[in-house]
């Protein structure tokens, strides 16, 4: 009678377990490296893209009169709140980028904006070659909104943009 553990000492049956396990380990490492590389490449491209959302409740006036066709957009990046220092204004067929921190106005070409439904996506729109002369900048808080006034140097007209403050949704204490 043979001992029950005797079959464990026999070498005539090759073991197949280490070979597939090693392949699985190498394959999972390769897939993980590809995923990390793709994620890093995607993050670099998304960091430069800016999403412009329409500002509801905004008002635009040119020399105290409302233009026939206008709209206002502000930047929005995923994971971040709206950046109020950059404002994209549509006046008729002309787009203007207002940089409130640097007090500058830039002309924006329609080819620089990619439509995403009602919103837009773009790259960096503030290029020195598209700078429009402006003067008499004024930005102040007027209760429920921020009022921005400036004089456009190429038209010689006063542009007024009124941006509403976001509602305070905290409960009353």
C-alpha atoms as a PDB file:
ATOM      1  CA  UNK A   1       0.000   0.000   0.000  1.00  0.00           C
ATOM      2  CA  UNK A   2       1.317   3.384  -0.961  1.00  0.00           C
ATOM      3  CA  UNK A   3       1.313   6.337   1.354  1.00  0.00           C
ATOM      4  CA  UNK A   4      -1.204   9.103   0.525  1.00  0.00           C
ATOM      5  CA  UNK A   5       1.535  11.779   0.271  1.00  0.00           C
ATOM      6  CA  UNK A   6       3.573   9.705  -2.134  1.00  0.00           C
ATOM      7  CA  UNK A   7       1.884  11.220  -5.192  1.00  0.00           C
ATOM      8  CA  UNK A   8       3.232  14.633  -4.149  1.00  0.00           C
ATOM      9  CA  UNK A   9       6.802  13.433  -4.579  1.00  0.00           C
ATOM     10  CA  UNK A  10       6.333  12.279  -8.169  1.00  0.00           C
ATOM     11  CA  UNK A  11       7.871  14.595 -10.779  1.00  0.00           C
ATOM     12  CA  UNK A  12       6.316  13.109 -13.879  1.00  0.00           C
ATOM     13  CA  UNK A  13       3.348  15.571 -13.875  1.00  0.00           C
ATOM     14  CA  UNK A  14       4.584  19.041 -14.864  1.00  0.00           C
ATOM     15  CA  UNK A  15       3.228  21.956 -12.889  1.00  0.00           C
ATOM     16  CA  UNK A  16       1.441  24.522 -15.075  1.00  0.00           C
ATOM     17  CA  UNK A  17       0.417  26.962 -12.405  1.00  0.00           C
ATOM     18  CA  UNK A  18       3.464  29.341 -12.209  1.00  0.00           C
ATOM     19  CA  UNK A  19       3.563  30.039 -15.958  1.00  0.00           C
ATOM     20  CA  UNK A  20       0.000  31.476 -16.395  1.00  0.00           C
ATOM     21  CA  UNK A  21       0.254  33.321 -13.091  1.00  0.00           C
ATOM     22  CA  UNK A  22       3.453  35.005 -14.279  1.00  0.00           C
ATOM     23  CA  UNK A  23       1.810  35.974 -17.560  1.00  0.00           C
ATOM     24  CA  UNK A  24      -1.142  37.429 -15.723  1.00  0.00           C
ATOM     25  CA  UNK A  25       1.174  39.440 -13.502  1.00  0.00           C
ATOM     26  CA  UNK A  26       3.135  40.846 -16.475  1.00  0.00           C
ATOM     27  CA  UNK A  27      -0.059  41.626 -18.409  1.00  0.00           C
ATOM     28  CA  UNK A  28      -1.622  43.453 -15.467  1.00  0.00           C
ATOM     29  CA  UNK A  29       1.538  45.546 -14.987  1.00  0.00           C
ATOM     30  CA  UNK A  30       1.546  46.480 -18.690  1.00  0.00           C
ATOM     31  CA  UNK A  31      -2.141  47.440 -18.629  1.00  0.00           C
ATOM     32  CA  UNK A  32      -1.606  49.514 -15.495  1.00  0.00           C
ATOM     33  CA  UNK A  33       1.295  51.369 -17.101  1.00  0.00           C
ATOM     34  CA  UNK A  34      -0.794  52.118 -20.213  1.00  0.00           C
ATOM     35  CA  UNK A  35      -3.672  53.414 -18.085  1.00  0.00           C
ATOM     36  CA  UNK A  36      -1.372  55.719 -16.099  1.00  0.00           C
ATOM     37  CA  UNK A  37       0.219  57.038 -19.305  1.00  0.00           C
ATOM     38  CA  UNK A  38      -3.181  57.677 -20.924  1.00  0.00           C
ATOM     39  CA  UNK A  39      -4.467  59.416 -17.804  1.00  0.00           C
ATOM     40  CA  UNK A  40      -1.391  61.681 -17.648  1.00  0.00           C
ATOM     41  CA  UNK A  41      -1.713  62.565 -21.340  1.00  0.00           C
ATOM     42  CA  UNK A  42      -5.420  63.314 -20.936  1.00  0.00           C
ATOM     43  CA  UNK A  43      -4.841  65.483 -17.877  1.00  0.00           C
ATOM     44  CA  UNK A  44      -2.297  67.606 -19.744  1.00  0.00           C
ATOM     45  CA  UNK A  45      -4.738  68.281 -22.591  1.00  0.00           C
ATOM     46  CA  UNK A  46      -7.716  69.033 -20.318  1.00  0.00           C
ATOM     47  CA  UNK A  47      -5.770  71.526 -18.197  1.00  0.00           C
ATOM     48  CA  UNK A  48      -5.451  73.912 -21.153  1.00  0.00           C
ATOM     49  CA  UNK A  49      -9.064  73.625 -22.299  1.00  0.00           C
ATOM     50  CA  UNK A  50     -11.493  76.161 -20.879  1.00  0.00           C
ATOM     51  CA  UNK A  51     -15.235  75.597 -20.737  1.00  0.00           C
ATOM     52  CA  UNK A  52     -17.352  78.746 -21.147  1.00  0.00           C
ATOM     53  CA  UNK A  53     -20.872  78.644 -19.689  1.00  0.00           C
ATOM     54  CA  UNK A  54     -23.633  81.142 -20.345  1.00  0.00           C
ATOM     55  CA  UNK A  55     -24.317  83.560 -17.509  1.00  0.00           C
ATOM     56  CA  UNK A  56     -28.049  83.828 -16.896  1.00  0.00           C
ATOM     57  CA  UNK A  57     -29.222  87.158 -15.579  1.00  0.00           C
ATOM     58  CA  UNK A  58     -26.331  89.141 -17.068  1.00  0.00           C
ATOM     59  CA  UNK A  59     -26.885  92.479 -18.823  1.00  0.00           C
ATOM     60  CA  UNK A  60     -24.836  94.182 -21.541  1.00  0.00           C
ATOM     61  CA  UNK A  61     -25.110  97.802 -22.679  1.00  0.00           C
ATOM     62  CA  UNK A  62     -23.169  99.741 -25.272  1.00  0.00           C
ATOM     63  CA  UNK A  63     -23.369 103.514 -24.701  1.00  0.00           C
ATOM     64  CA  UNK A  64     -26.343 102.975 -22.392  1.00  0.00           C
ATOM     65  CA  UNK A  65     -28.345 100.978 -24.987  1.00  0.00           C
ATOM     66  CA  UNK A  66     -28.876  97.246 -25.108  1.00  0.00           C
ATOM     67  CA  UNK A  67     -27.429  95.714 -28.308  1.00  0.00           C
ATOM     68  CA  UNK A  68     -29.745  93.671 -30.538  1.00  0.00           C
ATOM     69  CA  UNK A  69     -27.700  90.485 -30.146  1.00  0.00           C
ATOM     70  CA  UNK A  70     -25.516  89.858 -27.108  1.00  0.00           C
ATOM     71  CA  UNK A  71     -24.538  87.204 -24.576  1.00  0.00           C
ATOM     72  CA  UNK A  72     -22.123  86.753 -21.660  1.00  0.00           C
ATOM     73  CA  UNK A  73     -20.055  83.669 -20.749  1.00  0.00           C
ATOM     74  CA  UNK A  74     -17.764  82.864 -17.833  1.00  0.00           C
ATOM     75  CA  UNK A  75     -15.115  80.203 -17.464  1.00  0.00           C
ATOM     76  CA  UNK A  76     -15.776  76.915 -15.801  1.00  0.00           C
ATOM     77  CA  UNK A  77     -13.338  74.051 -15.271  1.00  0.00           C
ATOM     78  CA  UNK A  78     -14.286  70.666 -13.897  1.00  0.00           C
ATOM     79  CA  UNK A  79     -13.665  70.490 -10.184  1.00  0.00           C
ATOM     80  CA  UNK A  80     -13.301  74.250  -9.864  1.00  0.00           C
ATOM     81  CA  UNK A  81     -15.770  77.043  -9.394  1.00  0.00           C
ATOM     82  CA  UNK A  82     -16.378  79.825 -11.885  1.00  0.00           C
ATOM     83  CA  UNK A  83     -13.499  82.187 -12.367  1.00  0.00           C
ATOM     84  CA  UNK A  84     -14.974  85.667 -12.320  1.00  0.00           C
ATOM     85  CA  UNK A  85     -11.870  87.416 -13.649  1.00  0.00           C
ATOM     86  CA  UNK A  86     -12.438  86.228 -17.244  1.00  0.00           C
ATOM     87  CA  UNK A  87     -15.605  87.173 -19.103  1.00  0.00           C
ATOM     88  CA  UNK A  88     -16.463  86.407 -22.729  1.00  0.00           C
ATOM     89  CA  UNK A  89     -18.904  88.924 -24.235  1.00  0.00           C
ATOM     90  CA  UNK A  90     -20.740  88.530 -27.526  1.00  0.00           C
ATOM     91  CA  UNK A  91     -21.689  91.829 -29.201  1.00  0.00           C
ATOM     92  CA  UNK A  92     -23.506  91.184 -32.467  1.00  0.00           C
ATOM     93  CA  UNK A  93     -20.990  89.045 -34.375  1.00  0.00           C
ATOM     94  CA  UNK A  94     -17.979  90.075 -32.314  1.00  0.00           C
ATOM     95  CA  UNK A  95     -16.584  88.216 -29.303  1.00  0.00           C
ATOM     96  CA  UNK A  96     -14.561  90.092 -26.686  1.00  0.00           C
ATOM     97  CA  UNK A  97     -12.585  88.595 -23.817  1.00  0.00           C
ATOM     98  CA  UNK A  98     -12.513  90.823 -20.747  1.00  0.00           C
ATOM     99  CA  UNK A  99      -9.689  90.147 -18.305  1.00  0.00           C
ATOM    100  CA  UNK A 100     -10.806  91.935 -15.148  1.00  0.00           C
ATOM    101  CA  UNK A 101      -7.573  91.378 -13.204  1.00  0.00           C
ATOM    102  CA  UNK A 102      -5.292  92.717 -15.926  1.00  0.00           C
ATOM    103  CA  UNK A 103      -7.918  95.251 -17.160  1.00  0.00           C
ATOM    104  CA  UNK A 104      -7.466  94.228 -20.781  1.00  0.00           C
ATOM    105  CA  UNK A 105      -9.777  93.415 -23.692  1.00  0.00           C
ATOM    106  CA  UNK A 106      -8.934  90.852 -26.368  1.00  0.00           C
ATOM    107  CA  UNK A 107     -10.628  90.176 -29.706  1.00  0.00           C
ATOM    108  CA  UNK A 108     -11.709  86.544 -30.035  1.00  0.00           C
ATOM    109  CA  UNK A 109     -12.045  84.825 -33.387  1.00  0.00           C
ATOM    110  CA  UNK A 110     -15.021  82.529 -33.892  1.00  0.00           C
ATOM    111  CA  UNK A 111     -12.635  79.804 -35.068  1.00  0.00           C
ATOM    112  CA  UNK A 112     -11.061  79.777 -31.569  1.00  0.00           C
ATOM    113  CA  UNK A 113     -14.356  78.667 -29.984  1.00  0.00           C
ATOM    114  CA  UNK A 114     -15.785  75.163 -30.285  1.00  0.00           C
ATOM    115  CA  UNK A 115     -19.530  74.939 -29.656  1.00  0.00           C
ATOM    116  CA  UNK A 116     -20.655  72.489 -26.969  1.00  0.00           C
ATOM    117  CA  UNK A 117     -24.431  72.920 -27.073  1.00  0.00           C
ATOM    118  CA  UNK A 118     -25.144  76.400 -25.696  1.00  0.00           C
ATOM    119  CA  UNK A 119     -21.665  76.608 -24.205  1.00  0.00           C
ATOM    120  CA  UNK A 120     -18.185  76.855 -25.722  1.00  0.00           C
ATOM    121  CA  UNK A 121     -14.766  75.301 -25.236  1.00  0.00           C
ATOM    122  CA  UNK A 122     -11.539  77.029 -26.138  1.00  0.00           C
ATOM    123  CA  UNK A 123      -7.839  77.193 -25.536  1.00  0.00           C
ATOM    124  CA  UNK A 124      -6.021  80.283 -24.302  1.00  0.00           C
ATOM    125  CA  UNK A 125      -7.801  83.304 -25.811  1.00  0.00           C
ATOM    126  CA  UNK A 126      -5.658  86.046 -24.247  1.00  0.00           C
ATOM    127  CA  UNK A 127      -3.103  86.675 -26.985  1.00  0.00           C
ATOM    128  CA  UNK A 128      -1.112  89.882 -27.112  1.00  0.00           C
ATOM    129  CA  UNK A 129      -1.613  90.197 -30.883  1.00  0.00           C
ATOM    130  CA  UNK A 130      -5.387  90.512 -30.382  1.00  0.00           C
ATOM    131  CA  UNK A 131      -5.312  93.174 -27.691  1.00  0.00           C
ATOM    132  CA  UNK A 132      -7.937  95.908 -28.098  1.00  0.00           C
ATOM    133  CA  UNK A 133      -7.134  99.305 -26.573  1.00  0.00           C
ATOM    134  CA  UNK A 134      -9.398 100.174 -23.668  1.00  0.00           C
ATOM    135  CA  UNK A 135      -9.561 102.776 -20.930  1.00  0.00           C
ATOM    136  CA  UNK A 136     -11.628 104.036 -17.990  1.00  0.00           C
ATOM    137  CA  UNK A 137     -12.029 100.639 -16.333  1.00  0.00           C
ATOM    138  CA  UNK A 138     -14.445 100.474 -13.436  1.00  0.00           C
ATOM    139  CA  UNK A 139     -15.550  97.330 -11.562  1.00  0.00           C
ATOM    140  CA  UNK A 140     -17.779  97.691  -8.524  1.00  0.00           C
ATOM    141  CA  UNK A 141     -20.333  95.798  -6.516  1.00  0.00           C
ATOM    142  CA  UNK A 142     -23.877  97.104  -6.961  1.00  0.00           C
ATOM    143  CA  UNK A 143     -25.877  94.929  -4.596  1.00  0.00           C
ATOM    144  CA  UNK A 144     -26.937  91.690  -6.293  1.00  0.00           C
ATOM    145  CA  UNK A 145     -24.501  92.157  -9.198  1.00  0.00           C
ATOM    146  CA  UNK A 146     -21.039  93.294 -10.223  1.00  0.00           C
ATOM    147  CA  UNK A 147     -20.954  96.232 -12.637  1.00  0.00           C
ATOM    148  CA  UNK A 148     -18.064  96.484 -15.099  1.00  0.00           C
ATOM    149  CA  UNK A 149     -17.618  99.599 -17.250  1.00  0.00           C
ATOM    150  CA  UNK A 150     -14.896 100.367 -19.763  1.00  0.00           C
ATOM    151  CA  UNK A 151     -14.353 102.404 -22.894  1.00  0.00           C
ATOM    152  CA  UNK A 152     -13.420 100.462 -26.022  1.00  0.00           C
ATOM    153  CA  UNK A 153     -10.614 102.262 -27.835  1.00  0.00           C
ATOM    154  CA  UNK A 154     -11.452 101.015 -31.332  1.00  0.00           C
ATOM    155  CA  UNK A 155     -15.121 102.116 -31.173  1.00  0.00           C
ATOM    156  CA  UNK A 156     -14.835 104.884 -28.616  1.00  0.00           C
ATOM    157  CA  UNK A 157     -17.957 103.548 -26.913  1.00  0.00           C
ATOM    158  CA  UNK A 158     -18.664 102.664 -23.291  1.00  0.00           C
ATOM    159  CA  UNK A 159     -19.285  98.969 -22.659  1.00  0.00           C
ATOM    160  CA  UNK A 160     -21.218  98.069 -19.524  1.00  0.00           C
ATOM    161  CA  UNK A 161     -21.493  94.464 -18.324  1.00  0.00           C
ATOM    162  CA  UNK A 162     -23.540  93.519 -15.286  1.00  0.00           C
ATOM    163  CA  UNK A 163     -22.793  90.070 -13.819  1.00  0.00           C
ATOM    164  CA  UNK A 164     -25.112  88.678 -11.139  1.00  0.00           C
ATOM    165  CA  UNK A 165     -23.595  87.300  -7.967  1.00  0.00           C
ATOM    166  CA  UNK A 166     -24.246  83.596  -7.403  1.00  0.00           C
ATOM    167  CA  UNK A 167     -27.068  83.045  -4.937  1.00  0.00           C
ATOM    168  CA  UNK A 168     -26.093  82.288  -1.349  1.00  0.00           C
ATOM    169  CA  UNK A 169     -27.740  78.937  -0.686  1.00  0.00           C
ATOM    170  CA  UNK A 170     -26.659  78.680   2.938  1.00  0.00           C
ATOM    171  CA  UNK A 171     -29.573  78.474   5.362  1.00  0.00           C
ATOM    172  CA  UNK A 172     -30.411  81.445   7.532  1.00  0.00           C
ATOM    173  CA  UNK A 173     -29.116  81.265  11.090  1.00  0.00           C
END
